[in-house]
Amino acid sequence: MTTSSAARPTRRPRPIIDSTRRQFLRGAGGFALALPLLPSLLVKNAYGADPAFTRHPRMFWLTTEHGGAFESSMFPQQSLLTNTTNLFVDHQVRSGALVPTTQSGRTVISGVLQASNTLLTPALLAKMNVFQGLDIPFYIGHHTGGHLGNYARNDGNGGDGGAVQAFPRPTIDQIMAWSPSFYPDLSSNRARAMIMGDRPVSWNYSNPGALGGPVGNIEHVSGEENSLQLFNRIFVPQSMPGGAAVPVVDRVLQSYQRLRNGNRRLSGADRQRLDDHMDRLNELQRRLNAVVSCTSVTTPTDSSSNHNNGTEADAIATGRLYNDVVAAAFICGTSKIAVHGMDWNERYISYAGDWHHNVAHEWFQAANQVYLVDTYQRIFEHLMVDLASKLDVEEVPGQTFLDNSLLVWTQESGMETHDTTSIPVVTFGSAGGAFRTGQFFDYRRVGNPVSRKEAGGQTQWLGMLYNQWLATVLCAMGVPRAEFERWGHRGYGVPFLTQDSWTPPYQEHYESTTSRYFQIASDILPMLRAT
């Protein structure tokens, strides 16, 4: 078993293998972890073939505010799209290999999607995908829930936003986190999902263990805003003196049973609150009893709390520190889901004004395009490529942790701020072999006048449903349709079409919420499935 020979910057050393064949990862935060021995390496007999390896997919999702970068800056060149297939008779979709250019020591796919060629190597590029033409077909301005499927979490602007607020949903990270199909074994799991940042992008039932409580009881899953505290939650056991885990549930179980079952004055709503509380305590007890599989994990020497000065260097350091914890958790098996809700895009460049109103809302201005492209490029390089590099180390012969993961970056909007036509989606990893990689996918219905819209002097084309992208991820992660098609419709996210006359021509393009696009919304996106 050997490490990759690709060069890496000295500031972030690649994992190394010592003579005991145990892998080590050293993070930017100054901590190191030792991996457990791999089962295949303990086999004494030679069988003439590698032992069977059961893949355990992991998911990381980075969300950023706004959108606004011109599609010509965000997406690769259309000339790469050399393969075609018919989605419908009147809708052809396209794909092609990601072929970069090299400019001044940088690997360039687009103005945004570029990084140092010591980081974005050919091997890493071969594990990347870019998606164009995924739409939320209604106005959902000022939202934080759209990234992962809770469209109800928006500010209610416009008729569309207010209408979908009546249909709250858990986000797909939480569907996965509480899925017995995704987590058949929680013995070493210290967090079903690691939520980072203070953007409310992750949502779940008030009682997730019971998959319910009233559907309206969807709550924000709070994010950890300190990388060191997140590390301690994942790796440092909370215990009583002497090492015994605190019997949290046992302390209150009798009082809970007496109150819930014996007090006739207890209302139905209060009984639900009590059940929710006990469910949270049960989950806390489970986490405390989890056994961390890595034999040696040292505490980081740095924390994101040390980088709050608002500079580009602080933003980069913060992202890398969180990435270190995610990589360690994925490699050790203490969690398989991470969501980073980022809300300070402007920290990646020197800008001191009102970013939302003067840059994001004025996205079509040439000077603001420079700001938008620069900030997204740095987020791509210093967060997405950084984490992909840290996970692209061998898990078993011929497969890396990145191969068995899916890293996703989505933006709040498409090219036009607060409009959700062609939401950019960038990924690394094949989700355990479920997806083809190294590809640019274009799902737009290009050339059909029904699907055309104009924005800021730029032409856009409507495509396929973002709901289908979310369902595609769930399927790739091993979550069966029966676990996410809970509301009698296909795909994930409420099926809704714009009701506002001033919005893009979604009604004409998608036809109705029972039309052909919605009927295929639980299928894997075309041309993506690994052969």
Protein backbone atom coordinates (compact mmCIF):
# COMPACT_ATOMS: atom_id res chain seq x y z
CA MET A 1 0.00 0.00 0.00
CA THR A 2 1.58 3.28 -1.07
CA THR A 3 0.66 6.89 -1.02
CA SER A 4 0.10 9.07 -4.07
CA SER A 5 3.24 10.42 -5.67
CA ALA A 6 1.55 13.72 -6.55
CA ALA A 7 3.37 16.72 -5.14
CA ARG A 8 1.76 18.60 -2.29
CA PRO A 9 2.68 21.93 -0.68
CA THR A 10 4.93 21.64 2.34
CA ARG A 11 2.46 23.56 4.48
CA ARG A 12 0.00 20.66 4.34
CA PRO A 13 1.95 17.37 4.21
CA ARG A 14 0.42 14.33 2.60
CA PRO A 15 -0.41 11.36 4.78
CA ILE A 16 2.47 8.95 5.25
CA ILE A 17 2.64 5.21 5.85
CA ASP A 18 5.09 3.84 8.39
CA SER A 19 6.56 0.36 8.65
CA THR A 20 3.54 -0.92 10.60
CA ARG A 21 1.33 -0.10 7.57
CA ARG A 22 -0.74 2.30 9.65
CA GLN A 23 -1.86 5.53 7.97
CA PHE A 24 -1.35 8.99 9.46
CA LEU A 25 -2.92 12.30 8.57
CA ARG A 26 -1.45 15.57 9.81
CA GLY A 27 -3.82 18.50 9.61
CA ALA A 28 -3.31 22.23 9.33
CA GLY A 29 -4.46 22.58 12.92
CA GLY A 30 -1.41 20.73 14.18
CA PHE A 31 -3.04 17.43 15.13
CA ALA A 32 -2.34 13.94 13.87
CA LEU A 33 -4.44 10.81 13.80
CA ALA A 34 -3.52 7.17 13.38
CA LEU A 35 -5.88 4.94 11.49
CA PRO A 36 -6.85 1.46 12.61
CA LEU A 37 -5.30 -1.39 10.67
CA LEU A 38 -7.33 -2.28 7.60
CA PRO A 39 -9.00 -5.72 7.73
CA SER A 40 -7.59 -6.72 4.35
CA LEU A 41 -4.06 -6.30 5.71
CA LEU A 42 -4.70 -8.73 8.55
CA VAL A 43 -5.44 -11.64 6.20
CA LYS A 44 -2.60 -14.16 6.53
CA ASN A 45 -3.57 -16.37 3.59
CA ALA A 46 -3.18 -15.38 -0.04
CA TYR A 47 -6.40 -15.87 -2.01
CA GLY A 48 -5.29 -14.63 -5.42
CA ALA A 49 -7.71 -11.67 -5.17
CA ASP A 50 -8.31 -8.75 -2.85
CA PRO A 51 -10.76 -9.43 0.01
CA ALA A 52 -14.23 -8.02 -0.66
CA PHE A 53 -14.61 -4.47 0.62
CA THR A 54 -17.96 -3.05 1.61
CA ARG A 55 -18.02 0.62 0.73
CA HIS A 56 -19.28 3.07 3.32
CA PRO A 57 -20.15 6.34 1.58
CA ARG A 58 -19.70 9.63 3.38
CA MET A 59 -21.07 13.05 2.50
CA PHE A 60 -19.77 16.58 2.98
CA TRP A 61 -21.86 19.56 1.82
CA LEU A 62 -20.60 23.14 1.61
CA THR A 63 -23.23 25.86 1.15
CA THR A 64 -22.50 29.47 0.24
CA GLU A 65 -24.73 32.51 0.05
CA HIS A 66 -26.03 34.17 -3.07
CA GLY A 67 -24.83 33.22 -6.52
CA GLY A 68 -24.30 35.88 -9.16
CA ALA A 69 -21.24 34.71 -11.07
CA PHE A 70 -21.83 34.73 -14.82
CA GLU A 71 -22.35 31.21 -16.13
CA SER A 72 -19.39 31.77 -18.47
CA SER A 73 -17.20 32.25 -15.36
CA MET A 74 -18.75 29.51 -13.25
CA PHE A 75 -19.10 26.61 -15.67
CA PRO A 76 -16.62 24.94 -18.05
CA GLN A 77 -16.54 25.62 -21.77
CA GLN A 78 -19.46 24.23 -23.77
CA SER A 79 -16.98 22.70 -26.22
CA LEU A 80 -16.29 19.98 -23.63
CA LEU A 81 -19.82 18.60 -24.03
CA THR A 82 -19.13 15.89 -26.60
CA ASN A 83 -21.69 13.27 -25.46
CA THR A 84 -25.47 13.55 -25.83
CA THR A 85 -28.55 11.56 -24.91
CA ASN A 86 -32.26 12.25 -25.15
CA LEU A 87 -33.97 12.80 -21.83
CA PHE A 88 -37.18 13.33 -23.79
CA VAL A 89 -37.78 13.68 -27.52
CA ASP A 90 -37.56 17.47 -27.17
CA HIS A 91 -34.91 17.62 -24.44
CA GLN A 92 -31.35 16.51 -25.12
CA VAL A 93 -28.80 16.49 -22.28
CA ARG A 94 -25.04 16.56 -22.68
CA SER A 95 -21.83 15.63 -20.90
CA GLY A 96 -18.10 15.59 -21.48
CA ALA A 97 -14.78 15.07 -19.74
CA LEU A 98 -13.32 17.92 -17.68
CA VAL A 99 -10.30 18.97 -19.73
CA PRO A 100 -8.38 21.81 -18.09
CA THR A 101 -6.00 24.40 -19.37
CA THR A 102 -2.81 25.31 -17.55
CA GLN A 103 -2.12 28.96 -16.85
CA SER A 104 0.79 30.21 -14.73
CA GLY A 105 1.01 27.03 -12.70
CA ARG A 106 -2.75 26.71 -12.25
CA THR A 107 -5.24 24.07 -13.36
CA VAL A 108 -8.14 26.00 -14.93
CA ILE A 109 -11.61 24.61 -15.67
CA SER A 110 -13.34 28.01 -15.50
CA GLY A 111 -12.81 31.41 -13.95
CA VAL A 112 -14.15 30.08 -10.63
CA LEU A 113 -13.07 26.45 -10.87
CA GLN A 114 -9.31 26.77 -10.81
CA ALA A 115 -6.54 26.07 -8.32
CA SER A 116 -2.80 25.59 -8.06
CA ASN A 117 -1.74 22.57 -10.09
CA THR A 118 0.04 21.23 -7.02
CA LEU A 119 -3.42 20.91 -5.44
CA LEU A 120 -5.81 20.30 -8.34
CA THR A 121 -3.79 17.51 -9.88
CA PRO A 122 -4.92 15.39 -12.84
CA ALA A 123 -5.73 12.57 -10.40
CA LEU A 124 -7.94 14.85 -8.30
CA LEU A 125 -9.58 16.44 -11.34
CA ALA A 126 -10.57 12.94 -12.48
CA LYS A 127 -12.67 12.69 -9.29
CA MET A 128 -14.51 15.99 -9.81
CA ASN A 129 -17.89 16.72 -11.43
CA VAL A 130 -19.63 19.96 -12.45
CA PHE A 131 -23.41 20.18 -12.98
CA GLN A 132 -25.27 22.86 -14.95
CA GLY A 133 -29.02 23.03 -15.49
CA LEU A 134 -30.51 22.10 -12.09
CA ASP A 135 -33.44 24.38 -11.17
CA ILE A 136 -35.72 25.06 -8.22
CA PRO A 137 -38.73 26.08 -10.34
CA PHE A 138 -40.07 28.93 -8.24
CA TYR A 139 -38.89 32.09 -6.52
CA ILE A 140 -37.14 31.29 -3.23
CA GLY A 141 -35.12 34.41 -2.48
CA HIS A 142 -33.30 34.77 0.84
CA HIS A 143 -33.35 31.08 1.70
CA THR A 144 -31.10 28.77 3.69
CA GLY A 145 -33.12 25.57 3.32
CA GLY A 146 -33.02 25.11 -0.44
CA HIS A 147 -29.52 23.64 -0.58
CA LEU A 148 -30.54 20.41 1.14
CA GLY A 149 -34.27 20.26 0.48
CA ASN A 150 -36.21 22.26 3.07
CA TYR A 151 -37.62 24.85 0.68
CA ALA A 152 -39.90 26.15 3.44
CA ARG A 153 -36.89 27.86 5.05
CA ASN A 154 -37.03 31.10 3.14
CA ASP A 155 -37.95 34.64 4.10
CA GLY A 156 -41.37 34.53 2.44
CA ASN A 157 -40.54 37.06 -0.26
CA GLY A 158 -42.93 36.86 -3.21
CA GLY A 159 -45.95 34.63 -3.49
CA ASP A 160 -43.88 31.52 -4.15
CA GLY A 161 -41.74 31.77 -1.03
CA GLY A 162 -44.76 32.28 1.20
CA ALA A 163 -46.62 29.35 -0.39
CA VAL A 164 -43.86 26.77 0.14
CA GLN A 165 -43.40 27.79 3.77
CA ALA A 166 -46.42 25.56 4.42
CA PHE A 167 -44.41 22.46 3.43
CA PRO A 168 -41.42 22.06 5.78
CA ARG A 169 -39.15 19.05 5.28
CA PRO A 170 -36.11 17.60 7.03
CA THR A 171 -33.01 18.27 4.95
CA ILE A 172 -31.41 15.30 3.22
CA ASP A 173 -28.41 15.28 5.56
CA GLN A 174 -30.83 14.58 8.42
CA ILE A 175 -32.76 12.01 6.38
CA MET A 176 -29.44 10.20 5.97
CA ALA A 177 -28.35 10.76 9.56
CA TRP A 178 -31.40 8.95 10.94
CA SER A 179 -31.63 6.32 8.21
CA PRO A 180 -30.97 2.72 9.32
CA SER A 181 -29.92 2.06 5.73
CA PHE A 182 -27.21 4.72 5.83
CA TYR A 183 -26.15 4.02 9.42
CA PRO A 184 -26.65 0.28 10.02
CA ASP A 185 -23.97 0.42 12.74
CA LEU A 186 -23.50 3.36 15.12
CA SER A 187 -21.06 1.70 17.52
CA SER A 188 -18.19 4.09 16.73
CA ASN A 189 -20.31 7.08 15.71
CA ARG A 190 -19.97 10.22 17.82
CA ALA A 191 -22.17 12.44 15.64
CA ARG A 192 -24.76 11.34 13.11
CA ALA A 193 -24.07 14.60 11.29
CA MET A 194 -21.52 17.32 11.95
CA ILE A 195 -23.09 20.73 11.33
CA MET A 196 -20.69 23.67 11.10
CA GLY A 197 -21.27 27.40 10.91
CA ASP A 198 -24.18 29.57 12.00
CA ARG A 199 -26.24 29.48 8.79
CA PRO A 200 -29.44 27.48 9.45
CA VAL A 201 -29.01 25.09 6.50
CA SER A 202 -29.75 21.79 8.29
CA TRP A 203 -33.31 21.00 9.48
CA ASN A 204 -34.97 18.05 11.16
CA TYR A 205 -38.01 16.86 13.06
CA SER A 206 -38.22 17.82 16.70
CA ASN A 207 -38.20 14.06 17.39
CA PRO A 208 -35.98 12.61 14.65
CA GLY A 209 -35.68 9.17 16.22
CA ALA A 210 -39.43 8.66 15.82
CA LEU A 211 -39.35 10.26 12.34
CA GLY A 212 -41.87 12.72 13.42
CA GLY A 213 -43.90 14.62 15.71
CA PRO A 214 -46.13 16.84 13.64
CA VAL A 215 -44.68 17.60 10.19
CA GLY A 216 -44.68 21.28 11.11
CA ASN A 217 -42.25 20.60 13.95
CA ILE A 218 -39.16 21.04 11.78
CA GLU A 219 -36.33 22.68 13.71
CA HIS A 220 -32.97 24.18 12.84
CA VAL A 221 -30.10 21.83 13.70
CA SER A 222 -27.60 24.17 15.33
CA GLY A 223 -24.12 24.32 13.86
CA GLU A 224 -20.83 24.23 15.74
CA GLU A 225 -19.06 27.58 15.34
CA ASN A 226 -15.72 26.52 16.79
CA SER A 227 -13.53 23.90 15.08
CA LEU A 228 -11.87 22.81 18.33
CA GLN A 229 -15.22 22.27 20.04
CA LEU A 230 -16.32 20.20 17.06
CA PHE A 231 -13.15 18.13 17.35
CA ASN A 232 -13.77 17.55 21.04
CA ARG A 233 -17.33 16.49 20.33
CA ILE A 234 -16.09 13.92 17.82
CA PHE A 235 -13.02 12.56 19.61
CA VAL A 236 -12.90 13.51 23.31
CA PRO A 237 -15.22 11.27 25.35
CA GLN A 238 -17.42 12.92 27.96
CA SER A 239 -17.08 10.71 31.03
CA MET A 240 -17.40 10.53 34.78
CA PRO A 241 -14.29 10.35 36.98
CA GLY A 242 -12.81 6.92 36.47
CA GLY A 243 -13.88 6.76 32.83
CA ALA A 244 -17.47 5.49 33.11
CA ALA A 245 -19.93 7.12 30.76
CA VAL A 246 -22.55 9.31 32.40
CA PRO A 247 -25.88 7.39 32.54
CA VAL A 248 -27.86 10.38 31.31
CA VAL A 249 -31.12 8.64 30.46
CA ASP A 250 -31.15 6.45 33.55
CA ARG A 251 -31.15 9.51 35.79
CA VAL A 252 -34.43 10.82 34.46
CA LEU A 253 -36.17 7.73 33.10
CA GLN A 254 -38.36 7.03 36.14
CA SER A 255 -39.42 10.67 36.44
CA TYR A 256 -40.19 10.74 32.69
CA GLN A 257 -42.34 7.60 32.86
CA ARG A 258 -44.20 8.80 35.94
CA LEU A 259 -44.95 12.21 34.43
CA ARG A 260 -45.83 10.99 30.94
CA ASN A 261 -48.03 8.07 31.88
CA GLY A 262 -49.43 9.13 35.22
CA ASN A 263 -50.35 12.79 34.97
CA ARG A 264 -53.77 13.32 33.40
CA ARG A 265 -53.24 17.08 33.22
CA LEU A 266 -50.44 16.65 30.67
CA SER A 267 -51.59 17.96 27.29
CA GLY A 268 -50.91 16.20 24.02
CA ALA A 269 -48.50 18.95 22.96
CA ASP A 270 -46.60 18.72 26.26
CA ARG A 271 -46.47 14.95 25.95
CA GLN A 272 -44.87 15.42 22.52
CA ARG A 273 -42.35 17.88 23.98
CA LEU A 274 -41.50 15.39 26.71
CA ASP A 275 -41.02 12.59 24.21
CA ASP A 276 -38.82 14.85 22.08
CA HIS A 277 -36.67 15.66 25.10
CA MET A 278 -36.20 12.00 26.00
CA ASP A 279 -35.34 11.18 22.42
CA ARG A 280 -32.55 13.76 22.53
CA LEU A 281 -31.27 12.30 25.80
CA ASN A 282 -31.27 8.82 24.30
CA GLU A 283 -29.18 10.09 21.40
CA LEU A 284 -26.80 11.81 23.81
CA GLN A 285 -26.40 8.57 25.75
CA ARG A 286 -25.70 6.68 22.53
CA ARG A 287 -22.97 9.14 21.55
CA LEU A 288 -21.34 8.94 24.97
CA ASN A 289 -21.14 5.16 24.70
CA ALA A 290 -19.65 5.17 21.20
CA VAL A 291 -16.15 3.71 20.95
CA VAL A 292 -13.78 5.73 18.76
CA SER A 293 -12.02 3.38 16.37
CA CYS A 294 -8.81 5.39 15.85
CA THR A 295 -6.15 4.48 18.36
CA SER A 296 -4.34 7.81 18.46
CA VAL A 297 -5.83 11.24 17.88
CA THR A 298 -4.12 14.27 19.36
CA THR A 299 -5.98 17.49 20.13
CA PRO A 300 -5.50 20.31 17.57
CA THR A 301 -3.20 23.15 18.52
CA ASP A 302 -5.30 25.75 16.70
CA SER A 303 -8.98 26.71 16.60
CA SER A 304 -11.23 28.70 14.30
CA SER A 305 -11.88 31.02 17.25
CA ASN A 306 -8.34 32.34 16.73
CA HIS A 307 -9.22 33.55 13.24
CA ASN A 308 -12.01 36.10 13.65
CA ASN A 309 -10.25 39.18 12.29
CA GLY A 310 -12.17 39.19 9.02
CA THR A 311 -9.15 38.80 6.76
CA GLU A 312 -8.73 36.48 3.79
CA ALA A 313 -6.01 34.59 5.69
CA ASP A 314 -8.39 34.06 8.62
CA ALA A 315 -11.13 32.80 6.30
CA ILE A 316 -8.78 30.31 4.68
CA ALA A 317 -7.42 29.13 8.04
CA THR A 318 -10.96 28.66 9.40
CA GLY A 319 -12.03 26.58 6.42
CA ARG A 320 -8.97 24.36 6.64
CA LEU A 321 -9.40 23.80 10.37
CA TYR A 322 -12.95 22.59 9.86
CA ASN A 323 -11.75 20.45 6.96
CA ASP A 324 -9.17 18.82 9.24
CA VAL A 325 -11.89 17.73 11.65
CA VAL A 326 -14.13 16.46 8.84
CA ALA A 327 -11.28 14.46 7.31
CA ALA A 328 -10.35 12.96 10.67
CA ALA A 329 -13.96 12.02 11.44
CA PHE A 330 -14.50 10.44 8.01
CA ILE A 331 -11.25 8.48 8.19
CA CYS A 332 -11.85 7.30 11.76
CA GLY A 333 -15.55 6.55 11.27
CA THR A 334 -16.78 8.79 14.09
CA SER A 335 -19.18 10.49 11.64
CA LYS A 336 -20.05 10.08 7.97
CA ILE A 337 -21.96 13.34 7.35
CA ALA A 338 -20.77 16.94 7.53
CA VAL A 339 -22.50 20.16 6.47
CA HIS A 340 -20.73 23.53 6.46
CA GLY A 341 -23.12 26.48 6.20
CA MET A 342 -20.87 29.39 5.31
CA ASP A 343 -22.13 32.98 5.50
CA TRP A 344 -19.10 35.16 4.94
CA ASN A 345 -18.23 34.90 1.25
CA GLU A 346 -16.83 38.43 1.29
CA ARG A 347 -14.12 37.47 3.80
CA TYR A 348 -12.24 35.76 0.98
CA ILE A 349 -11.42 39.10 -0.65
CA SER A 350 -10.72 42.59 0.62
CA TYR A 351 -14.17 44.20 0.66
CA ALA A 352 -15.53 46.41 3.40
CA GLY A 353 -18.91 47.54 2.04
CA ASP A 354 -22.43 46.09 2.02
CA TRP A 355 -21.80 42.85 0.13
CA HIS A 356 -25.44 41.77 -0.10
CA HIS A 357 -26.87 44.96 -1.59
CA ASN A 358 -23.88 46.47 -3.37
CA VAL A 359 -22.33 43.32 -4.83
CA ALA A 360 -24.78 40.39 -4.80
CA HIS A 361 -27.78 42.48 -5.86
CA GLU A 362 -25.66 44.30 -8.44
CA TRP A 363 -24.20 41.07 -9.79
CA PHE A 364 -24.47 42.15 -13.44
CA GLN A 365 -22.00 45.04 -13.00
CA ALA A 366 -18.52 44.30 -14.37
CA ALA A 367 -16.69 45.34 -11.20
CA ASN A 368 -18.94 43.17 -9.04
CA GLN A 369 -18.36 40.19 -11.32
CA VAL A 370 -14.68 40.46 -10.44
CA TYR A 371 -15.55 40.35 -6.72
CA LEU A 372 -17.92 37.40 -7.13
CA VAL A 373 -15.60 35.32 -9.29
CA ASP A 374 -12.61 35.98 -7.02
CA THR A 375 -14.41 35.02 -3.82
CA TYR A 376 -15.93 31.84 -5.29
CA GLN A 377 -12.57 30.84 -6.77
CA ARG A 378 -10.91 31.07 -3.37
CA ILE A 379 -13.72 29.14 -1.71
CA PHE A 380 -13.31 26.42 -4.33
CA GLU A 381 -9.55 26.20 -3.94
CA HIS A 382 -9.16 26.64 -0.20
CA LEU A 383 -12.21 24.68 0.99
CA MET A 384 -13.31 22.17 -1.65
CA VAL A 385 -9.97 21.25 -3.20
CA ASP A 386 -8.31 21.33 0.23
CA LEU A 387 -10.75 18.78 1.71
CA ALA A 388 -10.68 16.61 -1.41
CA SER A 389 -6.88 16.48 -1.14
CA LYS A 390 -7.02 15.52 2.52
CA LEU A 391 -9.39 12.64 1.80
CA ASP A 392 -7.62 11.40 -1.31
CA VAL A 393 -5.51 8.90 0.65
CA GLU A 394 -5.73 5.14 0.39
CA GLU A 395 -8.51 3.44 2.32
CA VAL A 396 -8.00 0.01 0.78
CA PRO A 397 -5.81 -0.93 -2.17
CA GLY A 398 -7.05 0.91 -5.23
CA GLN A 399 -9.58 3.08 -3.38
CA THR A 400 -9.22 6.28 -1.38
CA PHE A 401 -11.44 7.81 1.26
CA LEU A 402 -12.40 10.42 -1.34
CA ASP A 403 -13.53 7.68 -3.74
CA ASN A 404 -15.90 6.46 -1.05
CA SER A 405 -17.22 9.95 -0.28
CA LEU A 406 -19.22 12.68 -1.97
CA LEU A 407 -18.16 16.29 -1.42
CA VAL A 408 -20.74 18.82 -2.65
CA TRP A 409 -20.66 22.60 -3.05
CA THR A 410 -23.90 24.45 -3.82
CA GLN A 411 -24.76 28.15 -4.00
CA GLU A 412 -27.95 29.82 -2.81
CA SER A 413 -28.81 31.12 -6.26
CA GLY A 414 -27.92 30.75 -9.90
CA MET A 415 -26.37 33.49 -12.02
CA GLU A 416 -29.06 35.99 -11.07
CA THR A 417 -29.10 36.65 -7.34
CA HIS A 418 -32.26 35.22 -5.70
CA ASP A 419 -33.15 33.28 -8.85
CA THR A 420 -32.67 29.51 -8.85
CA THR A 421 -32.08 28.77 -12.52
CA SER A 422 -29.00 26.55 -13.00
CA ILE A 423 -27.88 26.43 -9.38
CA PRO A 424 -24.15 25.61 -9.56
CA VAL A 425 -23.28 22.17 -8.17
CA VAL A 426 -19.64 21.06 -7.89
CA THR A 427 -18.62 17.69 -6.44
CA PHE A 428 -15.62 15.51 -5.67
CA GLY A 429 -15.75 11.76 -5.15
CA SER A 430 -17.87 8.99 -6.65
CA ALA A 431 -20.02 8.23 -3.55
CA GLY A 432 -18.52 4.76 -3.24
CA GLY A 433 -18.53 4.06 -6.96
CA ALA A 434 -22.11 5.20 -7.62
CA PHE A 435 -21.17 8.09 -9.96
CA ARG A 436 -19.01 8.63 -13.00
CA THR A 437 -16.47 11.37 -12.27
CA GLY A 438 -14.24 13.76 -14.14
CA GLN A 439 -17.32 15.02 -15.99
CA PHE A 440 -19.21 18.18 -16.91
CA PHE A 441 -22.98 17.55 -17.08
CA ASP A 442 -25.33 20.00 -18.79
CA TYR A 443 -29.02 19.24 -18.20
CA ARG A 444 -30.45 22.39 -19.81
CA ARG A 445 -32.92 22.28 -22.69
CA VAL A 446 -30.80 24.51 -24.90
CA GLY A 447 -32.37 26.00 -28.00
CA ASN A 448 -36.04 25.53 -27.08
CA PRO A 449 -37.69 28.99 -26.88
CA VAL A 450 -40.07 27.75 -24.14
CA SER A 451 -37.03 27.22 -21.91
CA ARG A 452 -35.26 30.49 -22.57
CA LYS A 453 -34.91 33.38 -20.12
CA GLU A 454 -32.89 36.58 -20.05
CA ALA A 455 -31.10 37.95 -17.01
CA GLY A 456 -28.76 40.93 -16.81
CA GLY A 457 -28.09 40.82 -20.53
CA GLN A 458 -27.27 37.11 -20.33
CA THR A 459 -29.25 34.22 -21.83
CA GLN A 460 -30.10 31.21 -19.67
CA TRP A 461 -31.91 27.93 -20.39
CA LEU A 462 -34.08 25.94 -17.99
CA GLY A 463 -33.16 22.34 -17.33
CA MET A 464 -33.99 19.57 -14.83
CA LEU A 465 -35.24 19.63 -11.26
CA TYR A 466 -32.97 20.28 -8.29
CA ASN A 467 -35.36 17.90 -6.48
CA GLN A 468 -33.92 15.14 -8.67
CA TRP A 469 -30.37 16.05 -7.70
CA LEU A 470 -31.28 15.70 -4.01
CA ALA A 471 -32.93 12.32 -4.64
CA THR A 472 -29.87 11.26 -6.67
CA VAL A 473 -27.64 11.94 -3.68
CA LEU A 474 -29.92 10.01 -1.33
CA CYS A 475 -29.96 7.01 -3.67
CA ALA A 476 -26.15 7.11 -4.02
CA MET A 477 -25.83 7.16 -0.25
CA GLY A 478 -27.87 3.96 0.01
CA VAL A 479 -31.11 5.53 1.26
CA PRO A 480 -34.01 3.71 -0.44
CA ARG A 481 -36.92 5.58 -1.97
CA ALA A 482 -39.26 4.28 0.73
CA GLU A 483 -37.31 6.35 3.25
CA PHE A 484 -37.44 9.68 1.40
CA GLU A 485 -40.61 9.52 -0.71
CA ARG A 486 -42.64 10.15 2.44
CA TRP A 487 -45.14 12.60 1.07
CA GLY A 488 -46.45 10.72 -1.93
CA HIS A 489 -44.29 12.45 -4.53
CA ARG A 490 -41.04 11.64 -6.29
CA GLY A 491 -37.76 13.40 -5.84
CA TYR A 492 -36.92 15.36 -2.72
CA GLY A 493 -38.31 18.78 -1.89
CA VAL A 494 -41.89 19.93 -2.23
CA PRO A 495 -43.12 19.70 -5.87
CA PHE A 496 -44.07 23.28 -6.65
CA LEU A 497 -44.12 25.54 -9.70
CA THR A 498 -43.96 29.31 -9.73
CA GLN A 499 -47.23 31.17 -9.26
CA ASP A 500 -45.71 34.61 -9.81
CA SER A 501 -45.99 36.09 -13.29
CA TRP A 502 -42.65 37.92 -13.11
CA THR A 503 -40.56 34.80 -12.50
CA PRO A 504 -38.75 32.71 -15.17
CA PRO A 505 -40.94 30.59 -17.51
CA TYR A 506 -40.95 27.55 -15.24
CA GLN A 507 -44.64 26.83 -15.85
CA GLU A 508 -44.12 26.55 -19.60
CA HIS A 509 -40.96 24.49 -19.27
CA TYR A 510 -41.92 22.09 -16.48
CA GLU A 511 -45.62 22.09 -17.43
CA SER A 512 -47.09 20.94 -14.08
CA THR A 513 -46.10 19.27 -10.82
CA THR A 514 -47.38 15.96 -12.19
CA SER A 515 -45.55 16.30 -15.51
CA ARG A 516 -42.72 14.23 -16.93
CA TYR A 517 -39.94 16.04 -15.06
CA PHE A 518 -41.57 15.42 -11.70
CA GLN A 519 -42.34 11.80 -12.57
CA ILE A 520 -38.65 10.95 -13.01
CA ALA A 521 -37.48 13.01 -10.02
CA SER A 522 -36.40 9.98 -7.94
CA ASP A 523 -34.21 8.58 -10.71
CA ILE A 524 -30.44 8.99 -10.83
CA LEU A 525 -29.65 11.97 -13.05
CA PRO A 526 -28.94 10.94 -16.65
CA MET A 527 -25.40 10.09 -17.74
CA LEU A 528 -24.18 10.18 -14.12
CA ARG A 529 -24.55 6.57 -13.02
CA ALA A 530 -21.32 4.57 -13.03
CA THR A 531 -21.34 1.74 -15.56
